[in-house]
Every structure is written in C-alpha cells, then in structure tokens.
C-alpha cells in the first residue's frame, strides 16, 4: 500500500462530520462581506438547513459568527483575534514593561498587568519593587471578572453587550448586578477604582484600564498597596500615578483614551 493511500485512509477514518461542516461554513463566509441566511449558506455548500442548523448555532454561541436582526450570518473577528493573540500579548507586555518599571520605582510598590481571557482575568506580567515588604501576584493566576477589583474595572470598560453575556453566564442576583452596573458609571468617569482587598485585610487594590486607540480594552493595570502603620489611607497619589502610567502605556497604541478626572471624588468606592 502506498504512503499516499495510507494517509488518505487515515484521514477518512478520523473524519468528524460536524467539525467539517463548521470549517466549510467558516471558509465560505471568510470570502463574503455581506451576511448570508442559513438557506443561502446551505445552498452554497450543497447541504440541507437541518444539517447546518446546530453547527451554525454553535459557531454563533462561541463567537465565531455574528447573526444580525435579519437572521443573516457573517464572520466575527474571533479567528483573527485568536491568531494574533500570542503576538499581541507579547507586544503588550513589551510596551507596558518600561512604564510599569517606572511606576514601581515611583510608588515603591509592585504592579501587575491583567487581560481578559474567556471571561476571566489572567495575570500576564508583573514588575516587583525593591521594598522590604510588598505584595506580588503570581503570573498565570486567573479569576472570574466579578471576583476582584481589576475584573470589575475590566467589566466597566467592556461593551454593554459583552457585559450582558457575562451576566447571563453567571448565577448572580439581579440586584447585585444592578448595583455593580451603577458602580461602573463612576469607574468609567474616574478611569480607575480603588477598594479594600477582598482577600487580604489592610490592603487597598487600585486598578485602571489600558485602552487602545479605538477605546477597546487591552488590559488592566493593578497595584495592591499594603497600609503601613501610621500611614494615611489616602490613595490619591497611587491612583494619580497609575493613571499617568496607564495613559503612557495606552499612548504606545495610539491617542490616549483615559481622562484623568475626579480622582479625589472617586478614589474609593
């Protein structure tokens, strides 16, 4: 038996019909700019609507396709984002690190950078300070967005549609969600939030978003400050310095989108 025939037989024996249908749909829509109905897609692929219905629903639910009000389907940017994610994360860390180092030197506090990955915050970078005592968060640590301050800051700068999908996927009281949504108005206005740590007594967590030139959330910059004996709990210096740092990082990707305002009014929520 030839190697070519062996490869063909192996490929056939490991076929996954649903996956093949999904790939056919993605390949078709990748070359078409206007939305297509399920009927149009089925006709172009030589398949029935019944064959494709569950596949289309899955691709839409997972974010690979967008369905409009007229039930037309088009490609989202998710495949592009997945392909670019590794390189873009490396670029983000490379551009943010010098500014994070300057922040750490000025505040004498460690800082870390988080990004949103599949509805969780993921710590991707950290710069440690040379103080005798400081807090450091493990790179690779992850948690649900609504569980930490940085996650709430991320949620406040995500599109409303994306937030609503997040709430739908988590069993949370509607009253609590409404309270958080009200808080997000203040966070967006101030450009940051400082609050008592939900994990460690005597620690204040401050988080501020890193936004791209189009206003899209790229990451969240975080500092966990230990209150020393006799120290004032006024966090204005930390939040002000962090806003400057966030704007400097954002400027690496285009015009800054964060307005430094109402720092004293919104320093602790």
C-alpha atoms as a PDB file:
ATOM      1  CA  UNK A   1       0.000   0.000   0.000  1.00  0.00           C
ATOM      2  CA  UNK A   2       1.355   3.443  -0.954  1.00  0.00           C
ATOM      3  CA  UNK A   3       2.029   6.158   1.628  1.00  0.00           C
ATOM      4  CA  UNK A   4      -0.452   8.396  -0.186  1.00  0.00           C
ATOM      5  CA  UNK A   5      -3.201   5.822   0.141  1.00  0.00           C
ATOM      6  CA  UNK A   6      -2.315   5.257   3.785  1.00  0.00           C
ATOM      7  CA  UNK A   7      -2.665   8.968   4.519  1.00  0.00           C
ATOM      8  CA  UNK A   8      -5.996   9.099   2.666  1.00  0.00           C
ATOM      9  CA  UNK A   9      -7.378   6.111   4.553  1.00  0.00           C
ATOM     10  CA  UNK A  10      -6.223   7.588   7.862  1.00  0.00           C
ATOM     11  CA  UNK A  11      -7.837  10.900   7.087  1.00  0.00           C
ATOM     12  CA  UNK A  12     -11.129   9.260   6.191  1.00  0.00           C
ATOM     13  CA  UNK A  13     -11.137   7.032   9.280  1.00  0.00           C
ATOM     14  CA  UNK A  14     -10.753  10.064  11.544  1.00  0.00           C
ATOM     15  CA  UNK A  15     -13.357  12.297   9.926  1.00  0.00           C
ATOM     16  CA  UNK A  16     -15.504  14.467  12.214  1.00  0.00           C
ATOM     17  CA  UNK A  17     -18.593  15.428  10.176  1.00  0.00           C
ATOM     18  CA  UNK A  18     -19.779  18.260  12.447  1.00  0.00           C
ATOM     19  CA  UNK A  19     -16.316  19.813  12.519  1.00  0.00           C
ATOM     20  CA  UNK A  20     -16.029  19.508   8.736  1.00  0.00           C
ATOM     21  CA  UNK A  21     -19.353  21.308   8.318  1.00  0.00           C
ATOM     22  CA  UNK A  22     -18.228  24.059  10.670  1.00  0.00           C
ATOM     23  CA  UNK A  23     -14.989  24.550   8.764  1.00  0.00           C
ATOM     24  CA  UNK A  24     -16.883  24.642   5.469  1.00  0.00           C
ATOM     25  CA  UNK A  25     -19.100  27.408   6.853  1.00  0.00           C
ATOM     26  CA  UNK A  26     -16.136  29.440   8.094  1.00  0.00           C
ATOM     27  CA  UNK A  27     -14.279  29.062   4.789  1.00  0.00           C
ATOM     28  CA  UNK A  28     -17.375  30.144   2.858  1.00  0.00           C
ATOM     29  CA  UNK A  29     -18.129  33.208   4.969  1.00  0.00           C
ATOM     30  CA  UNK A  30     -14.487  34.288   5.134  1.00  0.00           C
ATOM     31  CA  UNK A  31     -14.681  35.257   1.475  1.00  0.00           C
ATOM     32  CA  UNK A  32     -18.045  37.035   1.607  1.00  0.00           C
ATOM     33  CA  UNK A  33     -18.556  40.537   3.012  1.00  0.00           C
ATOM     34  CA  UNK A  34     -22.359  40.551   3.315  1.00  0.00           C
ATOM     35  CA  UNK A  35     -24.413  38.393   5.721  1.00  0.00           C
ATOM     36  CA  UNK A  36     -25.909  35.178   4.367  1.00  0.00           C
ATOM     37  CA  UNK A  37     -29.019  33.412   5.605  1.00  0.00           C
ATOM     38  CA  UNK A  38     -28.956  29.780   6.695  1.00  0.00           C
ATOM     39  CA  UNK A  39     -30.749  28.891   3.454  1.00  0.00           C
ATOM     40  CA  UNK A  40     -28.126  30.699   1.352  1.00  0.00           C
ATOM     41  CA  UNK A  41     -25.277  29.006   3.202  1.00  0.00           C
ATOM     42  CA  UNK A  42     -26.866  25.574   2.865  1.00  0.00           C
ATOM     43  CA  UNK A  43     -27.440  26.099  -0.885  1.00  0.00           C
ATOM     44  CA  UNK A  44     -23.854  27.253  -1.497  1.00  0.00           C
ATOM     45  CA  UNK A  45     -22.414  24.302   0.404  1.00  0.00           C
ATOM     46  CA  UNK A  46     -24.778  21.763  -1.119  1.00  0.00           C
ATOM     47  CA  UNK A  47     -26.151  20.814   2.287  1.00  0.00           C
ATOM     48  CA  UNK A  48     -29.548  20.950   3.958  1.00  0.00           C
ATOM     49  CA  UNK A  49     -30.550  23.507   6.561  1.00  0.00           C
ATOM     50  CA  UNK A  50     -31.132  20.660   9.012  1.00  0.00           C
ATOM     51  CA  UNK A  51     -27.502  19.567   8.588  1.00  0.00           C
ATOM     52  CA  UNK A  52     -26.180  23.032   9.377  1.00  0.00           C
ATOM     53  CA  UNK A  53     -28.621  24.342  11.973  1.00  0.00           C
ATOM     54  CA  UNK A  54     -26.797  23.050  15.095  1.00  0.00           C
ATOM     55  CA  UNK A  55     -23.396  23.869  13.580  1.00  0.00           C
ATOM     56  CA  UNK A  56     -24.433  27.477  12.929  1.00  0.00           C
ATOM     57  CA  UNK A  57     -25.912  27.811  16.416  1.00  0.00           C
ATOM     58  CA  UNK A  58     -22.674  26.546  17.967  1.00  0.00           C
ATOM     59  CA  UNK A  59     -20.451  28.849  15.891  1.00  0.00           C
ATOM     60  CA  UNK A  60     -22.673  31.790  16.791  1.00  0.00           C
ATOM     61  CA  UNK A  61     -22.726  30.924  20.500  1.00  0.00           C
ATOM     62  CA  UNK A  62     -18.932  30.559  20.571  1.00  0.00           C
ATOM     63  CA  UNK A  63     -18.486  33.941  18.912  1.00  0.00           C
ATOM     64  CA  UNK A  64     -17.094  32.840  15.552  1.00  0.00           C
ATOM     65  CA  UNK A  65     -20.198  34.043  13.700  1.00  0.00           C
ATOM     66  CA  UNK A  66     -22.442  37.065  14.205  1.00  0.00           C
ATOM     67  CA  UNK A  67     -26.173  36.779  13.484  1.00  0.00           C
ATOM     68  CA  UNK A  68     -27.953  40.025  12.652  1.00  0.00           C
ATOM     69  CA  UNK A  69     -31.573  41.053  13.182  1.00  0.00           C
ATOM     70  CA  UNK A  70     -32.492  39.627   9.762  1.00  0.00           C
ATOM     71  CA  UNK A  71     -31.046  36.216  10.685  1.00  0.00           C
ATOM     72  CA  UNK A  72     -28.075  36.736   8.399  1.00  0.00           C
ATOM     73  CA  UNK A  73     -24.697  35.301   9.394  1.00  0.00           C
ATOM     74  CA  UNK A  74     -21.280  36.859   8.945  1.00  0.00           C
ATOM     75  CA  UNK A  75     -17.807  36.219  10.289  1.00  0.00           C
ATOM     76  CA  UNK A  76     -16.729  37.841  13.547  1.00  0.00           C
ATOM     77  CA  UNK A  77     -13.123  38.833  14.169  1.00  0.00           C
ATOM     78  CA  UNK A  78     -12.577  35.973  16.642  1.00  0.00           C
ATOM     79  CA  UNK A  79     -10.433  33.838  14.334  1.00  0.00           C
ATOM     80  CA  UNK A  80      -8.227  36.827  13.616  1.00  0.00           C
ATOM     81  CA  UNK A  81      -8.014  37.622  17.332  1.00  0.00           C
ATOM     82  CA  UNK A  82      -7.032  34.050  18.156  1.00  0.00           C
ATOM     83  CA  UNK A  83      -4.314  34.089  15.541  1.00  0.00           C
ATOM     84  CA  UNK A  84      -2.984  37.421  16.723  1.00  0.00           C
ATOM     85  CA  UNK A  85      -3.410  36.843  20.458  1.00  0.00           C
ATOM     86  CA  UNK A  86       0.018  35.390  21.187  1.00  0.00           C
ATOM     87  CA  UNK A  87       1.911  38.058  19.275  1.00  0.00           C
ATOM     88  CA  UNK A  88      -0.306  40.877  20.542  1.00  0.00           C
ATOM     89  CA  UNK A  89       0.125  39.796  24.173  1.00  0.00           C
ATOM     90  CA  UNK A  90       3.899  39.746  23.772  1.00  0.00           C
ATOM     91  CA  UNK A  91       3.769  43.209  22.210  1.00  0.00           C
ATOM     92  CA  UNK A  92       1.558  44.477  25.043  1.00  0.00           C
ATOM     93  CA  UNK A  93       3.964  43.191  27.695  1.00  0.00           C
ATOM     94  CA  UNK A  94       6.993  44.581  25.851  1.00  0.00           C
ATOM     95  CA  UNK A  95       5.461  48.042  25.517  1.00  0.00           C
ATOM     96  CA  UNK A  96       3.987  48.139  29.018  1.00  0.00           C
ATOM     97  CA  UNK A  97       7.005  46.872  30.984  1.00  0.00           C
ATOM     98  CA  UNK A  98       9.173  50.039  30.861  1.00  0.00           C
ATOM     99  CA  UNK A  99       6.230  52.120  32.077  1.00  0.00           C
ATOM    100  CA  UNK A 100       5.420  49.578  34.787  1.00  0.00           C
ATOM    101  CA  UNK A 101       9.041  49.697  35.943  1.00  0.00           C
ATOM    102  CA  UNK A 102       8.853  53.484  36.209  1.00  0.00           C
ATOM    103  CA  UNK A 103       5.593  53.163  38.158  1.00  0.00           C
ATOM    104  CA  UNK A 104       7.132  50.667  40.569  1.00  0.00           C
ATOM    105  CA  UNK A 105      10.170  52.869  41.147  1.00  0.00           C
ATOM    106  CA  UNK A 106       7.983  55.876  41.914  1.00  0.00           C
ATOM    107  CA  UNK A 107       5.424  54.168  44.153  1.00  0.00           C
ATOM    108  CA  UNK A 108       7.760  51.616  45.748  1.00  0.00           C
ATOM    109  CA  UNK A 109       5.001  49.075  45.133  1.00  0.00           C
ATOM    110  CA  UNK A 110       4.838  46.039  42.867  1.00  0.00           C
ATOM    111  CA  UNK A 111       2.387  46.171  39.974  1.00  0.00           C
ATOM    112  CA  UNK A 112       0.900  43.651  37.585  1.00  0.00           C
ATOM    113  CA  UNK A 113      -0.961  43.551  34.291  1.00  0.00           C
ATOM    114  CA  UNK A 114      -4.119  41.531  33.613  1.00  0.00           C
ATOM    115  CA  UNK A 115      -6.021  40.721  30.435  1.00  0.00           C
ATOM    116  CA  UNK A 116      -9.484  39.242  29.847  1.00  0.00           C
ATOM    117  CA  UNK A 117      -9.374  35.683  28.524  1.00  0.00           C
ATOM    118  CA  UNK A 118     -12.608  33.691  28.170  1.00  0.00           C
ATOM    119  CA  UNK A 119     -14.490  35.644  30.834  1.00  0.00           C
ATOM    120  CA  UNK A 120     -11.609  35.531  33.320  1.00  0.00           C
ATOM    121  CA  UNK A 121      -8.827  37.877  34.318  1.00  0.00           C
ATOM    122  CA  UNK A 122      -5.384  36.448  33.606  1.00  0.00           C
ATOM    123  CA  UNK A 123      -2.191  37.899  35.107  1.00  0.00           C
ATOM    124  CA  UNK A 124       0.322  38.167  32.246  1.00  0.00           C
ATOM    125  CA  UNK A 125       3.088  40.392  33.636  1.00  0.00           C
ATOM    126  CA  UNK A 126       4.472  41.696  36.917  1.00  0.00           C
ATOM    127  CA  UNK A 127       7.144  44.149  37.994  1.00  0.00           C
ATOM    128  CA  UNK A 128       8.439  43.763  41.561  1.00  0.00           C
ATOM    129  CA  UNK A 129       9.680  46.641  43.688  1.00  0.00           C
ATOM    130  CA  UNK A 130      12.795  46.565  45.859  1.00  0.00           C
ATOM    131  CA  UNK A 131      10.976  47.380  49.100  1.00  0.00           C
ATOM    132  CA  UNK A 132      11.498  45.056  52.058  1.00  0.00           C
ATOM    133  CA  UNK A 133       7.775  44.271  52.159  1.00  0.00           C
ATOM    134  CA  UNK A 134       5.431  44.255  49.170  1.00  0.00           C
ATOM    135  CA  UNK A 135       2.699  42.197  47.559  1.00  0.00           C
ATOM    136  CA  UNK A 136       3.250  40.242  44.362  1.00  0.00           C
ATOM    137  CA  UNK A 137       0.615  38.399  42.332  1.00  0.00           C
ATOM    138  CA  UNK A 138       1.583  35.193  40.551  1.00  0.00           C
ATOM    139  CA  UNK A 139       1.870  35.409  36.766  1.00  0.00           C
ATOM    140  CA  UNK A 140      -0.659  32.988  35.341  1.00  0.00           C
ATOM    141  CA  UNK A 141      -3.159  33.479  38.177  1.00  0.00           C
ATOM    142  CA  UNK A 142      -6.752  33.762  36.920  1.00  0.00           C
ATOM    143  CA  UNK A 143     -10.152  34.513  38.417  1.00  0.00           C
ATOM    144  CA  UNK A 144     -13.692  35.396  37.377  1.00  0.00           C
ATOM    145  CA  UNK A 145     -14.223  39.028  36.455  1.00  0.00           C
ATOM    146  CA  UNK A 146     -16.737  39.789  39.210  1.00  0.00           C
ATOM    147  CA  UNK A 147     -14.498  38.361  41.950  1.00  0.00           C
ATOM    148  CA  UNK A 148     -11.781  41.034  42.028  1.00  0.00           C
ATOM    149  CA  UNK A 149     -11.386  44.790  41.655  1.00  0.00           C
ATOM    150  CA  UNK A 150      -9.437  44.513  38.396  1.00  0.00           C
ATOM    151  CA  UNK A 151     -12.200  42.346  36.937  1.00  0.00           C
ATOM    152  CA  UNK A 152     -14.839  44.948  37.752  1.00  0.00           C
ATOM    153  CA  UNK A 153     -12.694  47.634  36.144  1.00  0.00           C
ATOM    154  CA  UNK A 154     -12.425  45.398  33.073  1.00  0.00           C
ATOM    155  CA  UNK A 155     -16.186  44.838  33.013  1.00  0.00           C
ATOM    156  CA  UNK A 156     -16.863  48.566  33.269  1.00  0.00           C
ATOM    157  CA  UNK A 157     -14.863  49.197  30.087  1.00  0.00           C
ATOM    158  CA  UNK A 158     -16.189  46.240  28.093  1.00  0.00           C
ATOM    159  CA  UNK A 159     -19.061  46.834  25.627  1.00  0.00           C
ATOM    160  CA  UNK A 160     -22.505  46.577  27.224  1.00  0.00           C
ATOM    161  CA  UNK A 161     -23.410  43.597  25.047  1.00  0.00           C
ATOM    162  CA  UNK A 162     -20.350  41.713  26.255  1.00  0.00           C
ATOM    163  CA  UNK A 163     -21.177  42.504  29.890  1.00  0.00           C
ATOM    164  CA  UNK A 164     -24.741  41.295  29.462  1.00  0.00           C
ATOM    165  CA  UNK A 165     -23.495  37.989  28.033  1.00  0.00           C
ATOM    166  CA  UNK A 166     -21.186  37.665  31.016  1.00  0.00           C
ATOM    167  CA  UNK A 167     -24.048  38.209  33.485  1.00  0.00           C
ATOM    168  CA  UNK A 168     -26.178  35.651  31.636  1.00  0.00           C
ATOM    169  CA  UNK A 169     -23.449  33.048  32.075  1.00  0.00           C
ATOM    170  CA  UNK A 170     -23.181  33.510  35.843  1.00  0.00           C
ATOM    171  CA  UNK A 171     -25.801  32.830  38.512  1.00  0.00           C
ATOM    172  CA  UNK A 172     -25.818  36.216  40.230  1.00  0.00           C
ATOM    173  CA  UNK A 173     -28.620  38.155  41.888  1.00  0.00           C
ATOM    174  CA  UNK A 174     -30.134  40.805  39.624  1.00  0.00           C
ATOM    175  CA  UNK A 175     -29.938  43.369  42.419  1.00  0.00           C
ATOM    176  CA  UNK A 176     -26.210  42.801  42.785  1.00  0.00           C
ATOM    177  CA  UNK A 177     -25.682  43.166  39.038  1.00  0.00           C
ATOM    178  CA  UNK A 178     -27.650  46.441  39.024  1.00  0.00           C
ATOM    179  CA  UNK A 179     -25.502  47.755  41.887  1.00  0.00           C
ATOM    180  CA  UNK A 180     -22.305  46.858  40.039  1.00  0.00           C
ATOM    181  CA  UNK A 181     -23.564  48.404  36.803  1.00  0.00           C
ATOM    182  CA  UNK A 182     -24.219  51.627  38.720  1.00  0.00           C
ATOM    183  CA  UNK A 183     -20.666  51.497  40.101  1.00  0.00           C
ATOM    184  CA  UNK A 184     -19.292  51.120  36.579  1.00  0.00           C
ATOM    185  CA  UNK A 185     -20.557  54.577  35.659  1.00  0.00           C
ATOM    186  CA  UNK A 186     -18.277  56.061  38.329  1.00  0.00           C
ATOM    187  CA  UNK A 187     -15.365  53.833  37.297  1.00  0.00           C
ATOM    188  CA  UNK A 188     -15.631  54.946  33.673  1.00  0.00           C
ATOM    189  CA  UNK A 189     -15.841  58.573  34.762  1.00  0.00           C
ATOM    190  CA  UNK A 190     -12.790  58.352  37.038  1.00  0.00           C
ATOM    191  CA  UNK A 191     -10.787  55.961  34.859  1.00  0.00           C
ATOM    192  CA  UNK A 192      -9.887  53.703  37.801  1.00  0.00           C
ATOM    193  CA  UNK A 193     -11.148  52.240  41.062  1.00  0.00           C
ATOM    194  CA  UNK A 194      -9.573  51.773  44.492  1.00  0.00           C
ATOM    195  CA  UNK A 195     -11.164  49.449  47.037  1.00  0.00           C
ATOM    196  CA  UNK A 196     -10.297  47.341  50.048  1.00  0.00           C
ATOM    197  CA  UNK A 197      -8.921  43.963  49.034  1.00  0.00           C
ATOM    198  CA  UNK A 198     -11.457  41.132  49.126  1.00  0.00           C
ATOM    199  CA  UNK A 199      -8.654  38.720  50.021  1.00  0.00           C
ATOM    200  CA  UNK A 200      -6.253  40.438  52.438  1.00  0.00           C
ATOM    201  CA  UNK A 201      -7.024  42.722  55.368  1.00  0.00           C
ATOM    202  CA  UNK A 202      -5.141  46.026  55.306  1.00  0.00           C
ATOM    203  CA  UNK A 203      -4.584  46.054  51.552  1.00  0.00           C
ATOM    204  CA  UNK A 204      -6.015  48.501  49.017  1.00  0.00           C
ATOM    205  CA  UNK A 205      -6.355  47.391  45.408  1.00  0.00           C
ATOM    206  CA  UNK A 206      -6.222  50.012  42.681  1.00  0.00           C
ATOM    207  CA  UNK A 207      -6.891  49.136  39.055  1.00  0.00           C
ATOM    208  CA  UNK A 208      -7.050  51.207  35.874  1.00  0.00           C
ATOM    209  CA  UNK A 209      -7.668  50.154  32.268  1.00  0.00           C
ATOM    210  CA  UNK A 210      -5.225  50.184  29.381  1.00  0.00           C
ATOM    211  CA  UNK A 211      -7.206  51.206  26.302  1.00  0.00           C
ATOM    212  CA  UNK A 212      -6.317  51.022  22.638  1.00  0.00           C
ATOM    213  CA  UNK A 213      -6.624  53.904  20.209  1.00  0.00           C
ATOM    214  CA  UNK A 214     -10.184  52.779  19.398  1.00  0.00           C
ATOM    215  CA  UNK A 215     -11.162  52.732  23.071  1.00  0.00           C
ATOM    216  CA  UNK A 216     -11.093  48.936  23.218  1.00  0.00           C
ATOM    217  CA  UNK A 217      -9.912  47.404  26.489  1.00  0.00           C
ATOM    218  CA  UNK A 218      -6.416  45.942  26.128  1.00  0.00           C
ATOM    219  CA  UNK A 219      -5.528  45.195  29.755  1.00  0.00           C
ATOM    220  CA  UNK A 220      -5.912  46.313  33.358  1.00  0.00           C
ATOM    221  CA  UNK A 221      -3.009  47.731  35.369  1.00  0.00           C
ATOM    222  CA  UNK A 222      -3.083  46.866  39.089  1.00  0.00           C
ATOM    223  CA  UNK A 223      -1.322  47.840  42.312  1.00  0.00           C
ATOM    224  CA  UNK A 224      -2.015  46.215  45.693  1.00  0.00           C
ATOM    225  CA  UNK A 225      -0.890  48.609  48.403  1.00  0.00           C
ATOM    226  CA  UNK A 226      -0.183  47.481  51.976  1.00  0.00           C
ATOM    227  CA  UNK A 227      -1.233  50.098  54.510  1.00  0.00           C
ATOM    228  CA  UNK A 228       1.732  50.667  56.820  1.00  0.00           C
ATOM    229  CA  UNK A 229       1.401  51.611  60.499  1.00  0.00           C
ATOM    230  CA  UNK A 230       0.674  55.316  60.822  1.00  0.00           C
ATOM    231  CA  UNK A 231       0.155  55.764  57.075  1.00  0.00           C
ATOM    232  CA  UNK A 232      -2.791  57.703  55.725  1.00  0.00           C
ATOM    233  CA  UNK A 233      -5.299  55.659  53.757  1.00  0.00           C
ATOM    234  CA  UNK A 234      -5.493  58.425  51.125  1.00  0.00           C
ATOM    235  CA  UNK A 235      -4.855  56.597  47.835  1.00  0.00           C
ATOM    236  CA  UNK A 236      -4.857  59.680  45.610  1.00  0.00           C
ATOM    237  CA  UNK A 237      -1.093  59.575  44.972  1.00  0.00           C
ATOM    238  CA  UNK A 238      -1.257  55.959  43.875  1.00  0.00           C
ATOM    239  CA  UNK A 239      -4.296  56.391  41.635  1.00  0.00           C
ATOM    240  CA  UNK A 240      -2.921  59.576  40.077  1.00  0.00           C
ATOM    241  CA  UNK A 241       0.438  57.955  39.306  1.00  0.00           C
ATOM    242  CA  UNK A 242      -1.284  54.856  37.931  1.00  0.00           C
ATOM    243  CA  UNK A 243      -3.457  56.964  35.631  1.00  0.00           C
ATOM    244  CA  UNK A 244      -0.325  58.616  34.249  1.00  0.00           C
ATOM    245  CA  UNK A 245       1.217  55.190  33.713  1.00  0.00           C
ATOM    246  CA  UNK A 246      -1.930  53.811  32.058  1.00  0.00           C
ATOM    247  CA  UNK A 247      -2.060  56.770  29.700  1.00  0.00           C
ATOM    248  CA  UNK A 248       1.609  56.292  28.845  1.00  0.00           C
ATOM    249  CA  UNK A 249       1.020  52.621  28.006  1.00  0.00           C
ATOM    250  CA  UNK A 250      -2.130  53.451  26.038  1.00  0.00           C
ATOM    251  CA  UNK A 251      -0.188  56.062  24.063  1.00  0.00           C
ATOM    252  CA  UNK A 252       2.019  53.229  22.783  1.00  0.00           C
ATOM    253  CA  UNK A 253      -1.010  52.048  20.810  1.00  0.00           C
ATOM    254  CA  UNK A 254      -2.382  55.441  19.732  1.00  0.00           C
ATOM    255  CA  UNK A 255      -4.013  58.565  21.239  1.00  0.00           C
ATOM    256  CA  UNK A 256      -4.871  58.063  24.903  1.00  0.00           C
ATOM    257  CA  UNK A 257      -8.495  57.422  25.791  1.00  0.00           C
ATOM    258  CA  UNK A 258      -8.474  57.823  29.594  1.00  0.00           C
ATOM    259  CA  UNK A 259      -9.374  61.185  31.070  1.00  0.00           C
ATOM    260  CA  UNK A 260      -7.731  61.889  34.398  1.00  0.00           C
ATOM    261  CA  UNK A 261     -10.583  63.409  36.408  1.00  0.00           C
ATOM    262  CA  UNK A 262     -12.475  63.277  39.685  1.00  0.00           C
ATOM    263  CA  UNK A 263      -9.588  61.429  41.351  1.00  0.00           C
ATOM    264  CA  UNK A 264     -10.371  62.547  44.883  1.00  0.00           C
ATOM    265  CA  UNK A 265     -14.129  62.058  44.462  1.00  0.00           C
ATOM    266  CA  UNK A 266     -13.863  58.509  43.148  1.00  0.00           C
ATOM    267  CA  UNK A 267     -10.711  57.277  44.864  1.00  0.00           C
ATOM    268  CA  UNK A 268     -12.509  54.669  46.969  1.00  0.00           C
ATOM    269  CA  UNK A 269     -15.829  53.027  46.065  1.00  0.00           C
END
